Protein backbone atom coordinates (compact mmCIF):
# COMPACT_ATOMS: atom_id res chain seq x y z
CA MET A 1 -29.14 -57.16 53.11
CA ARG A 2 -31.94 -55.91 50.88
CA PRO A 3 -30.22 -52.59 50.00
CA LEU A 4 -27.06 -54.49 49.01
CA LEU A 5 -29.10 -56.78 46.77
CA VAL A 6 -30.79 -53.77 45.18
CA LEU A 7 -27.43 -52.12 44.52
CA TYR A 8 -25.96 -55.34 43.10
CA LEU A 9 -28.92 -55.78 40.75
CA LEU A 10 -28.66 -52.11 39.80
CA PHE A 11 -24.96 -52.57 38.98
CA LEU A 12 -25.70 -55.56 36.74
CA CYS A 13 -28.56 -53.75 35.00
CA LEU A 14 -26.38 -50.71 34.37
CA ILE A 15 -23.57 -52.78 32.87
CA PHE A 16 -26.05 -54.58 30.64
CA LEU A 17 -27.68 -51.30 29.53
CA PHE A 18 -24.44 -49.43 28.84
CA TYR A 19 -22.62 -52.31 27.16
CA THR A 20 -25.62 -53.11 24.98
CA ALA A 21 -25.68 -49.50 23.79
CA SER A 22 -21.92 -49.52 23.18
CA HIS A 23 -21.95 -52.82 21.27
CA THR A 24 -25.04 -51.90 19.21
CA LEU A 25 -23.44 -48.64 18.13
CA TYR A 26 -20.23 -50.48 17.25
CA GLN A 27 -22.20 -52.86 15.05
CA ALA A 28 -23.68 -49.78 13.37
CA GLY A 29 -20.17 -48.48 12.68
CA TYR A 30 -19.78 -45.93 15.46
CA VAL A 31 -17.42 -45.59 18.43
CA HIS A 32 -16.55 -42.38 20.25
CA LEU A 33 -12.93 -41.65 19.33
CA ASN A 34 -12.06 -40.93 22.97
CA VAL A 35 -12.59 -44.63 23.71
CA LEU A 36 -10.18 -45.59 20.93
CA PHE A 37 -7.68 -42.97 22.12
CA TYR A 38 -7.53 -44.41 25.64
CA ALA A 39 -7.50 -47.97 24.29
CA GLU A 40 -4.54 -47.17 22.02
CA LYS A 41 -2.47 -45.59 24.79
CA VAL A 42 -3.01 -48.56 27.11
CA LEU A 43 -2.17 -50.90 24.22
CA LEU A 44 1.14 -49.04 23.77
CA ALA A 45 1.87 -49.25 27.49
CA LYS A 46 1.22 -53.00 27.56
CA GLU A 47 2.45 -54.16 24.16
CA GLY A 48 4.45 -51.28 22.71
CA GLU A 49 8.05 -51.43 21.57
CA PRO A 50 9.21 -51.34 24.29
CA PRO A 51 6.18 -51.69 26.60
CA ARG A 52 6.45 -48.88 29.16
CA LEU A 53 3.96 -47.10 31.38
CA GLU A 54 5.12 -43.72 30.09
CA ASN A 55 3.91 -44.70 26.61
CA ILE A 56 0.52 -43.52 27.85
CA GLY A 57 1.94 -40.04 27.38
CA LEU A 58 1.62 -38.36 30.81
CA VAL A 59 -0.41 -35.53 29.25
CA TYR A 60 -3.91 -36.79 30.08
CA PRO A 61 -5.36 -37.51 33.55
CA PRO A 62 -4.20 -41.03 34.46
CA LEU A 63 -7.46 -42.38 35.90
CA ALA A 64 -9.02 -41.97 32.46
CA PHE A 65 -6.89 -44.92 31.31
CA LEU A 66 -7.45 -47.17 34.33
CA PRO A 67 -10.50 -49.20 33.18
CA PHE A 68 -8.85 -49.88 29.82
CA TRP A 69 -5.88 -51.34 31.69
CA PHE A 70 -8.00 -53.94 33.50
CA VAL A 71 -10.79 -54.51 30.95
CA SER A 72 -9.44 -55.90 27.69
CA ASP A 73 -12.60 -55.16 25.69
CA TYR A 74 -12.52 -51.40 25.07
CA LEU A 75 -16.28 -51.42 24.41
CA MET A 76 -16.80 -52.70 27.97
CA ALA A 77 -14.28 -50.48 29.80
CA SER A 78 -16.34 -47.30 30.05
CA PRO A 79 -19.68 -49.08 30.75
CA PHE A 80 -18.07 -51.09 33.57
CA ALA A 81 -16.46 -48.06 35.23
CA SER A 82 -19.62 -45.98 34.83
CA ALA A 83 -21.85 -48.69 36.29
CA LEU A 84 -19.53 -48.92 39.29
CA ILE A 85 -19.36 -45.18 39.97
CA LEU A 86 -23.12 -44.72 39.50
CA THR A 87 -23.86 -47.61 41.87
CA LEU A 88 -21.61 -46.04 44.52
CA PHE A 89 -23.30 -42.69 43.94
CA PHE A 90 -26.77 -44.17 44.38
CA SER A 91 -25.68 -46.05 47.51
CA PHE A 92 -24.66 -42.69 48.99
CA LEU A 93 -28.05 -41.22 48.09
CA LEU A 94 -29.93 -44.17 49.61
CA LYS A 95 -28.04 -43.84 52.90
CA ARG A 96 -28.64 -40.10 53.09
CA CYS A 97 -32.34 -40.19 52.26
CA LEU A 98 -34.98 -41.85 54.44
CA SER A 99 -37.61 -41.77 51.71
CA PRO A 100 -37.17 -43.66 48.42
CA VAL A 101 -35.23 -41.82 45.74
CA TYR A 102 -36.28 -44.11 42.91
CA PHE A 103 -37.99 -41.30 40.98
CA ILE A 104 -34.79 -39.26 41.05
CA VAL A 105 -32.63 -42.27 40.21
CA GLY A 106 -34.92 -43.20 37.33
CA SER A 107 -34.96 -39.70 35.87
CA LEU A 108 -31.16 -39.67 35.96
CA LEU A 109 -30.63 -43.15 34.52
CA LEU A 110 -33.03 -42.57 31.64
CA ASN A 111 -31.42 -39.26 30.79
CA PRO A 112 -29.71 -39.84 27.40
CA LEU A 113 -26.86 -37.48 28.32
CA VAL A 114 -26.06 -39.59 31.39
CA ILE A 115 -26.18 -42.73 29.24
CA PHE A 116 -23.92 -41.05 26.68
CA LEU A 117 -21.31 -40.23 29.33
CA ALA A 118 -21.62 -43.70 30.85
CA VAL A 119 -21.10 -45.45 27.52
CA TYR A 120 -18.28 -43.29 26.16
CA ARG A 121 -17.03 -40.69 28.66
CA PHE A 122 -16.82 -42.45 32.01
CA GLU A 123 -13.99 -40.10 33.06
CA VAL A 124 -16.29 -37.08 32.69
CA LEU A 125 -19.14 -38.80 34.53
CA SER A 126 -16.79 -39.93 37.31
CA PHE A 127 -15.37 -36.43 37.63
CA TYR A 128 -18.86 -34.96 37.96
CA ILE A 129 -19.90 -37.47 40.62
CA LEU A 130 -16.69 -37.32 42.66
CA LEU A 131 -16.70 -33.51 42.59
CA THR A 132 -20.31 -33.51 43.77
CA LEU A 133 -19.54 -35.91 46.62
CA SER A 134 -16.40 -33.97 47.58
CA VAL A 135 -18.48 -30.82 47.98
CA MET A 136 -21.20 -32.63 49.89
CA PHE A 137 -18.75 -34.22 52.36
CA LEU A 138 -17.37 -30.76 53.10
CA ILE A 139 -20.87 -29.53 53.91
CA LEU A 140 -21.53 -32.61 56.06
CA HIS A 141 -18.36 -31.82 58.00
CA MET A 142 -19.62 -28.28 58.51
CA GLU A 143 -22.91 -29.67 59.84
CA MET A 144 -21.64 -32.49 62.07
CA GLY A 145 -17.98 -31.72 62.72
CA TYR A 146 -16.76 -35.27 61.98
CA SER A 147 -13.20 -35.22 60.66
CA ILE A 148 -13.79 -38.31 58.54
CA TYR A 149 -16.11 -36.30 56.27
CA LEU A 150 -13.42 -33.71 55.70
CA PHE A 151 -10.80 -36.36 54.99
CA VAL A 152 -13.01 -38.28 52.54
CA GLY A 153 -14.01 -35.07 50.79
CA GLY A 154 -10.37 -34.05 50.42
CA PHE A 155 -9.38 -37.44 49.05
CA LEU A 156 -12.23 -37.36 46.50
CA LEU A 157 -11.13 -33.90 45.40
CA GLY A 158 -7.62 -35.24 44.91
CA LEU A 159 -8.99 -38.05 42.73
CA CYS A 160 -10.84 -35.42 40.71
CA PHE A 161 -7.49 -34.00 39.60
CA PHE A 162 -6.53 -37.37 38.15
CA LEU A 163 -9.79 -37.33 36.17
CA ASP A 164 -9.83 -33.70 35.10
CA PHE A 165 -6.94 -31.28 35.64
CA ARG A 166 -9.42 -28.39 35.86
CA SER A 167 -10.16 -29.46 39.44
CA VAL A 168 -7.46 -27.05 40.57
CA PHE A 169 -9.66 -24.16 39.40
CA LEU A 170 -11.90 -24.82 42.41
CA ILE A 171 -9.19 -24.69 45.09
CA PRO A 172 -9.78 -20.96 45.85
CA LEU A 173 -13.50 -21.70 46.28
CA PHE A 174 -12.83 -24.40 48.89
CA VAL A 175 -10.33 -22.18 50.72
CA LEU A 176 -12.90 -19.37 50.87
CA PHE A 177 -15.60 -21.76 52.13
CA ILE A 178 -13.38 -23.06 54.94
CA PHE A 179 -12.37 -19.53 55.90
CA LEU A 180 -15.98 -18.29 56.05
CA THR A 181 -17.18 -21.23 58.16
CA THR A 182 -14.26 -21.29 60.61
CA LYS A 183 -13.12 -17.67 60.96
CA ARG A 184 -14.57 -17.47 64.48
CA ALA A 185 -12.64 -20.58 65.57
CA GLY A 186 -9.19 -19.08 65.04
CA LYS A 187 -6.47 -19.16 62.41
CA ASP A 188 -4.92 -22.44 63.54
CA TYR A 189 -8.21 -24.31 63.16
CA THR A 190 -8.86 -22.76 59.75
CA LEU A 191 -5.38 -23.68 58.58
CA ALA A 192 -5.74 -27.25 59.85
CA LEU A 193 -9.02 -27.79 58.01
CA THR A 194 -7.62 -26.25 54.83
CA MET A 195 -4.64 -28.60 54.95
CA VAL A 196 -6.82 -31.68 55.47
CA LYS A 197 -9.14 -30.71 52.61
CA LEU A 198 -6.51 -29.62 50.08
CA THR A 199 -3.48 -31.78 50.91
CA PRO A 200 -4.63 -34.70 48.68
CA ILE A 201 -5.15 -32.60 45.55
CA VAL A 202 -1.95 -30.58 46.13
CA PHE A 203 -0.06 -33.83 46.74
CA PHE A 204 -1.46 -35.38 43.55
CA VAL A 205 -0.55 -32.25 41.57
CA PHE A 206 3.06 -32.44 42.76
CA ILE A 207 3.18 -36.18 42.08
CA TRP A 208 2.09 -35.49 38.50
CA LEU A 209 4.62 -32.67 38.11
CA TYR A 210 7.32 -35.00 39.41
CA LEU A 211 6.38 -37.84 37.04
CA ASN A 212 6.37 -35.44 34.09
CA TRP A 213 9.80 -34.16 35.12
CA VAL A 214 11.27 -37.67 35.56
CA PHE A 215 9.98 -39.11 32.29
CA THR A 216 9.99 -36.05 30.01
CA GLY A 217 12.48 -33.64 31.58
CA ASP A 218 9.83 -30.92 32.00
CA PRO A 219 7.33 -30.91 34.90
CA LEU A 220 4.86 -28.93 32.77
CA THR A 221 4.80 -31.30 29.80
CA PHE A 222 1.15 -32.12 30.47
CA ILE A 223 0.38 -28.42 29.86
CA LYS A 224 2.87 -27.54 27.11
CA SER A 225 2.65 -30.67 24.97
CA PRO A 226 0.81 -30.36 21.62
CA TYR A 227 -1.01 -33.53 22.71
CA SER A 228 -1.97 -31.95 26.05
CA PHE A 229 -5.31 -32.48 27.80
CA PHE A 230 -5.72 -28.71 27.61
CA LYS A 231 -5.26 -28.66 23.83
CA GLY A 232 -7.34 -31.66 22.90
CA ARG A 233 -10.72 -29.94 22.77
CA ALA A 234 -12.53 -28.61 19.73
CA LEU A 235 -12.28 -24.84 19.54
CA ASP A 236 -15.22 -22.48 19.67
CA THR A 237 -14.69 -18.98 18.28
CA ASP A 238 -16.88 -17.37 20.95
CA VAL A 239 -14.77 -19.00 23.68
CA LEU A 240 -11.59 -17.73 22.03
CA LEU A 241 -13.04 -14.21 22.04
CA ALA A 242 -13.87 -14.54 25.75
CA LYS A 243 -10.41 -15.86 26.66
CA SER A 244 -8.61 -13.86 29.39
CA SER A 245 -11.50 -11.40 29.68
CA ILE A 246 -13.54 -11.54 32.89
CA PHE A 247 -16.42 -9.56 31.41
CA GLU A 248 -16.61 -11.60 28.19
CA SER A 249 -16.28 -14.85 30.15
CA LEU A 250 -19.13 -13.83 32.45
CA LYS A 251 -21.28 -12.88 29.48
CA TYR A 252 -20.57 -16.13 27.65
CA SER A 253 -21.17 -18.17 30.84
CA ALA A 254 -24.54 -16.49 31.32
CA LEU A 255 -25.44 -17.30 27.72
CA GLN A 256 -24.50 -20.97 28.17
CA LEU A 257 -26.52 -21.20 31.38
CA PHE A 258 -29.51 -19.79 29.51
CA TYR A 259 -29.13 -22.48 26.83
CA LEU A 260 -28.87 -25.15 29.53
CA LEU A 261 -31.79 -23.80 31.59
CA PRO A 262 -34.43 -26.41 30.62
CA LEU A 263 -31.94 -29.16 31.46
CA ILE A 264 -30.72 -27.68 34.76
CA LEU A 265 -34.11 -26.51 36.03
CA PRO A 266 -33.90 -28.82 39.11
CA TYR A 267 -30.59 -27.15 39.99
CA VAL A 268 -32.30 -23.73 39.93
CA VAL A 269 -35.23 -24.93 42.06
CA VAL A 270 -32.91 -26.43 44.68
CA LEU A 271 -30.89 -23.19 44.66
CA PHE A 272 -33.94 -21.30 45.92
CA LYS A 273 -34.69 -23.95 48.54
CA LEU A 274 -31.30 -23.75 50.28
CA ARG A 275 -32.74 -21.73 53.15
CA LYS A 276 -32.48 -24.16 56.04
CA TYR A 277 -29.23 -22.62 57.30
CA ARG A 278 -28.90 -19.57 59.50
CA MET A 279 -27.13 -16.65 57.86
CA LEU A 280 -23.73 -17.73 59.24
CA TYR A 281 -23.74 -20.78 56.93
CA LEU A 282 -26.11 -19.78 54.14
CA PHE A 283 -23.58 -17.90 52.01
CA PRO A 284 -20.83 -20.58 52.25
CA VAL A 285 -23.32 -23.29 51.22
CA TYR A 286 -24.46 -21.21 48.27
CA LEU A 287 -20.80 -20.70 47.41
CA LEU A 288 -20.16 -24.43 47.12
CA TYR A 289 -23.44 -25.02 45.32
CA LEU A 290 -22.23 -22.65 42.61
CA SER A 291 -19.14 -24.81 41.93
CA PRO A 292 -20.41 -25.96 38.49
CA ILE A 293 -20.83 -22.34 37.42
CA VAL A 294 -17.41 -21.37 38.76
CA LEU A 295 -15.84 -24.31 36.92
CA MET A 296 -17.56 -23.25 33.70
CA LEU A 297 -16.43 -19.65 34.15
CA PHE A 298 -12.77 -20.56 34.69
CA SER A 299 -12.86 -23.02 31.78
CA ILE A 300 -14.17 -20.30 29.47
CA TYR A 301 -11.71 -17.72 30.80
CA LEU A 302 -8.80 -20.09 30.09
CA SER A 303 -10.30 -21.17 26.75
CA TYR A 304 -10.87 -24.77 27.76
CA PHE A 305 -14.56 -25.09 27.04
CA PHE A 306 -16.74 -26.29 24.20
CA PRO A 307 -20.53 -25.89 24.41
CA SER A 308 -22.18 -29.25 25.06
CA TYR A 309 -25.38 -30.27 26.74
CA TYR A 310 -23.81 -33.10 28.74
CA TYR A 311 -22.33 -30.45 31.04
CA SER A 312 -25.84 -30.27 32.51
CA VAL A 313 -25.22 -33.66 34.17
CA LEU A 314 -22.92 -31.95 36.70
CA PHE A 315 -25.70 -29.51 37.61
CA LEU A 316 -28.18 -32.37 37.98
CA ALA A 317 -25.76 -34.31 40.19
CA PHE A 318 -25.45 -31.26 42.46
CA ALA A 319 -29.21 -30.71 42.52
CA ILE A 320 -29.99 -34.33 43.39
CA THR A 321 -27.26 -34.67 46.02
CA PHE A 322 -28.09 -31.40 47.77
CA ALA A 323 -31.83 -32.12 47.69
CA VAL A 324 -31.35 -35.59 49.19
CA SER A 325 -28.55 -34.85 51.65
CA LEU A 326 -29.93 -31.58 52.98
CA ASN A 327 -33.44 -33.03 53.28
CA ILE A 328 -35.02 -30.52 50.94
CA ARG A 329 -38.62 -31.63 50.90
CA GLY A 330 -40.17 -32.65 47.63
CA SER A 331 -42.52 -30.18 46.04
CA LYS A 332 -44.53 -29.85 42.88
CA ALA A 333 -42.00 -27.31 41.60
CA LEU A 334 -39.10 -29.74 42.03
CA ALA A 335 -41.04 -32.65 40.49
CA VAL A 336 -42.04 -30.52 37.50
CA ALA A 337 -38.44 -29.33 37.15
CA PHE A 338 -37.18 -32.93 36.93
CA ILE A 339 -39.84 -33.82 34.37
CA VAL A 340 -39.00 -30.78 32.22
CA SER A 341 -35.29 -31.58 32.49
CA PHE A 342 -35.88 -35.20 31.48
CA LEU A 343 -37.96 -34.26 28.44
CA ALA A 344 -35.48 -31.56 27.39
CA SER A 345 -32.62 -34.06 27.57
CA TRP A 346 -34.21 -35.95 24.66
CA VAL A 347 -34.72 -32.86 22.52
CA LEU A 348 -32.00 -30.23 22.99
CA PRO A 349 -29.01 -32.52 22.22
CA LEU A 350 -30.44 -33.05 18.72
CA TYR A 351 -29.34 -29.46 18.04
CA SER A 352 -25.99 -29.71 19.82
CA ARG A 353 -22.73 -28.48 18.35
CA GLU A 354 -21.03 -31.44 20.02
CA GLU A 355 -21.40 -34.07 17.30
CA ASN A 356 -20.93 -37.11 19.53
CA GLU A 357 -23.76 -36.38 21.95
CA LYS A 358 -25.93 -35.30 19.01
CA ASN A 359 -25.32 -38.58 17.15
CA PHE A 360 -25.82 -40.64 20.30
CA VAL A 361 -29.21 -39.17 21.20
CA LYS A 362 -30.31 -39.34 17.57
CA PHE A 363 -29.38 -43.04 17.57
CA LEU A 364 -31.43 -43.69 20.73
CA LEU A 365 -34.44 -42.07 19.08
CA THR A 366 -34.14 -43.36 15.51
CA GLY A 367 -31.76 -46.33 15.58
CA ARG A 368 -29.57 -44.65 12.96
CA VAL A 369 -26.09 -43.20 13.40
CA LYS A 370 -23.42 -41.67 11.22
CA GLU A 371 -20.55 -44.14 10.80
CA ASN A 372 -17.13 -42.97 11.95
CA ILE A 373 -14.89 -46.06 12.16
CA LYS A 374 -15.31 -47.69 8.75
CA GLU A 375 -12.33 -45.94 7.16
CA TYR A 376 -10.04 -46.87 10.07
CA ILE A 377 -11.06 -50.52 9.83
CA ASN A 378 -10.52 -50.45 6.06
CA VAL A 379 -7.02 -48.98 6.43
CA ALA A 380 -6.07 -51.54 9.09
CA LYS A 381 -7.23 -54.30 6.71
CA VAL A 382 -5.23 -52.83 3.81
CA LEU A 383 -2.05 -52.74 5.92
CA LYS A 384 -2.59 -56.37 6.87
CA ASP A 385 -3.37 -57.48 3.30
CA GLN A 386 -0.33 -55.65 1.94
CA GLY A 387 1.91 -57.49 4.40
CA CYS A 388 3.20 -54.28 6.02
CA GLU A 389 5.59 -55.38 8.77
CA LYS A 390 6.46 -51.81 9.79
CA THR A 391 4.20 -48.85 9.04
CA LEU A 392 5.01 -45.20 9.68
CA LEU A 393 2.10 -43.09 10.93
CA ASP A 394 1.31 -40.26 13.32
CA ASP A 395 -1.04 -41.50 16.02
CA LYS A 396 -1.96 -37.98 17.03
CA THR A 397 -4.67 -38.35 14.39
CA ASP A 398 -4.50 -42.01 13.35
CA PHE A 399 -4.65 -43.84 16.69
CA PRO A 400 -7.82 -45.78 15.69
CA VAL A 401 -5.81 -47.59 13.00
CA VAL A 402 -3.42 -48.86 15.70
CA VAL A 403 -6.34 -50.09 17.81
CA PHE A 404 -8.02 -51.94 14.95
CA SER A 405 -4.68 -53.46 13.91
CA GLN A 406 -4.25 -54.78 17.49
CA ASN A 407 -0.46 -54.97 17.16
CA PRO A 408 1.41 -51.75 18.02
CA LYS A 409 4.75 -53.41 17.26
CA LYS A 410 3.92 -53.10 13.56
CA PHE A 411 4.09 -49.29 13.69
CA TYR A 412 6.62 -46.51 14.03
CA LEU A 413 4.94 -44.05 16.40
CA PRO A 414 5.97 -40.68 17.91
CA TYR A 415 6.64 -42.16 21.36
CA MET A 416 9.50 -44.27 19.95
CA TYR A 417 13.08 -42.98 20.19
CA GLU A 418 13.82 -43.81 16.54
CA TYR A 419 10.69 -42.12 15.19
CA TYR A 420 12.38 -38.98 13.88
CA SER A 421 15.17 -41.03 12.30
CA VAL A 422 12.47 -42.95 10.45
CA ILE A 423 10.77 -39.71 9.42
CA SER A 424 14.03 -38.37 7.96
CA THR A 425 14.73 -41.49 5.82
CA PRO A 426 11.61 -43.68 5.88
CA ILE A 427 12.67 -45.85 2.95
CA ALA A 428 15.40 -47.39 5.12
CA PHE A 429 12.94 -48.44 7.82
CA ALA A 430 9.25 -48.48 6.89
CA ASP A 431 7.53 -50.96 4.59
CA CYS A 432 4.44 -48.76 4.44
CA ILE A 433 3.50 -45.18 5.22
CA LEU A 434 0.05 -43.96 6.22
CA VAL A 435 -0.69 -40.34 5.30
CA ASN A 436 -3.68 -38.45 6.67
CA LYS A 437 -4.77 -36.02 3.95
CA VAL A 438 -7.23 -33.94 5.97
CA SER A 439 -5.51 -33.40 9.34
CA GLN A 440 -2.22 -31.68 10.02
CA ASN A 441 0.38 -34.18 11.17
CA ILE A 442 4.12 -34.80 11.17
CA ILE A 443 4.15 -37.04 8.10
CA SER A 444 2.14 -34.85 5.76
CA ASP A 445 4.20 -31.84 6.87
CA ARG A 446 7.43 -33.73 6.13
CA PHE A 447 6.20 -35.03 2.74
CA PRO A 448 3.71 -32.48 1.29
CA THR A 449 3.36 -34.34 -2.04
CA SER A 450 2.18 -37.47 -0.20
CA LYS A 451 -1.28 -35.92 0.09
CA MET A 452 -1.43 -35.91 -3.72
CA GLY A 453 -0.37 -39.54 -3.96
CA PHE A 454 3.35 -39.11 -4.64
CA LEU A 455 6.12 -40.32 -2.34
CA LYS A 456 9.63 -41.11 -3.54
CA GLY A 457 10.54 -44.78 -3.18
CA TYR A 458 6.92 -45.79 -2.51
CA ILE A 459 3.85 -46.61 -4.57
CA LEU A 460 0.27 -45.70 -3.69
CA VAL A 461 -1.67 -48.89 -2.88
CA TYR A 462 -4.81 -47.41 -1.30
CA SER A 463 -6.58 -44.07 -1.22
CA ASP A 464 -9.86 -42.77 0.16
CA GLU A 465 -11.19 -39.38 1.26
CA THR A 466 -8.96 -39.29 4.33
CA TYR A 467 -5.98 -41.59 3.79
CA ASN A 468 -3.25 -42.53 1.37
CA VAL A 469 -1.39 -45.79 2.00
CA PHE A 470 2.05 -46.14 0.43
CA LYS A 471 4.12 -49.31 0.10
CA ARG A 472 7.87 -49.37 -0.42
CA VAL A 473 9.09 -50.29 -3.90
CA ARG A 474 11.22 -53.43 -3.69
């Protein structure tokens, strides 16, 4: 009963901590745009014109939208989901470890990068934790032979695909692990284990291909679409240079690991302590332990990577889970590694190229943050004050305006069948037009002079550094 009470109290404390951070930052004028992106897509699915599930877009992993579907307050959605997944993660650690793991739990919970992911990027945090547990259940099956561990690990890997499509990059690694640990048992046994482990993720992949084909006519829409999950990241020139080159990808991966070294020091220490297995199993265990590095390498090779310090959370999750589950005894080296990692997590992100984690950690230290939602709120207010019943915009870039307006029926958006008819002759349909002057979008491409404040049949009623708002001349 006592462990359940501890976990329940932990869950409540985590929700309070994460939501307080989210709400305080909102009051300071800051919200991670990913939160608004997911909130807008769910809003379209629930209240769009017409409301349809496919309004979500089918180009991003579906589980990323799930909390926003059930939690109406978008500031609470990510904190709630993160508190739940972290509580489940810690319950696993408590069951696997006879000695208290409160030092480890504390060092993780007070890590600003973990808090950042919990507040704004629950889908990334969930992916990291589920991938870690999937790997660990496979090792537990190797140790004990219980089929339930293999089944649970396979199911968790399948869920990983619905959080991050890059999960498929690790399929060859799992196949190799199963082959190496079962090659003496015969081909039939190896094939059976491979099917149990990989059937969920393969099944989920085909389900997603099928849904894309049914709703869009192309099973690869989630890859080809300009709005695709694989095209939504900021680009790094060094990653582009390393694309499709094994040597350059290896070199760039090594460089990134060097930059992350102070943060992932516990991962390195645990790596050198994985010596409890006889040689038959030592290499396969090392192979799985290197999953974060393999994932990074494939992401760089396929040009789906942007340098950020929060990637270190995956390494820490692996280090903690392996240390606890494989009964790696505590040592001064491991304790020092966790302390160094914790201290570095408060310093290195201040120099990050990923602006969101940089701003978040800076806010935790100074209480100040660079505003990023004021202009969207202002535009939503202008549209309301101008009495715009139907506004044309491109929510590829302007989705926050839809969220702050809270009524998607007032907009012509790309998911609507009549959108391109409206684009061709907007004066016949749209009361107002919102033009983004700094980002490439359909509207500014169709009406180049709109960036300069001129649009035939409309007058300019509002302008700032980013937006022009036009209203139809009566």
